[in-house]
């Protein structure tokens, strides 16, 4: 089990936060013993799906299920699209974001771009707090040389994606979404990230998606991503006994 002091969440959420990752092979009784030693205002607990035997016990300790987080990968192979999907794909393009694009993205986030994440869905928080957290995260990523791309539909800004890489070979699609104007239009089925990563010379693309966002799960599958592993995610607030 790995326990991380998520110090950044003190700024984002105003709470002392721990993030706990259970590892495959951890023994159930040892997981419970170690969890009993942890104290924090907010704890995020991630459990591999193959370790599901511990779920009943941790719920008795006050941990509440919030989502499954799916790790998906793309090997950048070209896929076959149906005619409708191909038309949408051909109508969409991308470019590196400018400072003005970033300002527009921040306005979209403040206006409720994200609504299926664990902060938005947690009754202990609210959508305003979730938006503030995303804005802080965006600024941190840009400060750390992340690669922000604007996604365009017929030359009109329709969404964005932010990529990170440590070695120029494996890229992580860390954050992305569609803008309000094009929500529920079907454009979300188009994923340009594999094309971008190929152009950058990458060899593999990774991303994580919540089961609270089934439309995105389906879009990733249609675009050639495959599931590698799943974590059950539970949270605990200090006032839950």
Foldseek 3Di string as FASTA:
>chain_A
DDKDFPVVVCVLPVWREIEEEDDPPDDLVVVVVVVVVDDIQKYKYWYFPVRCVNVVVVVVVFWAFQWKKFKKKFQLDADDDPPVQVVLQVQKDKDFDDPVNVVVVLVQLCVQQDQQDSQCPDPVHHSNSVSSNVVVVVVVCVVVVWTKMFMDGNNHGFKIWIWDDDPLAEIEREDMGTGPVCPPVPSLLDDCVSVVSVVSVYRMYMYMDTPSCVVNVVSCVSRHMDTDTMIGMIMHGNPGD
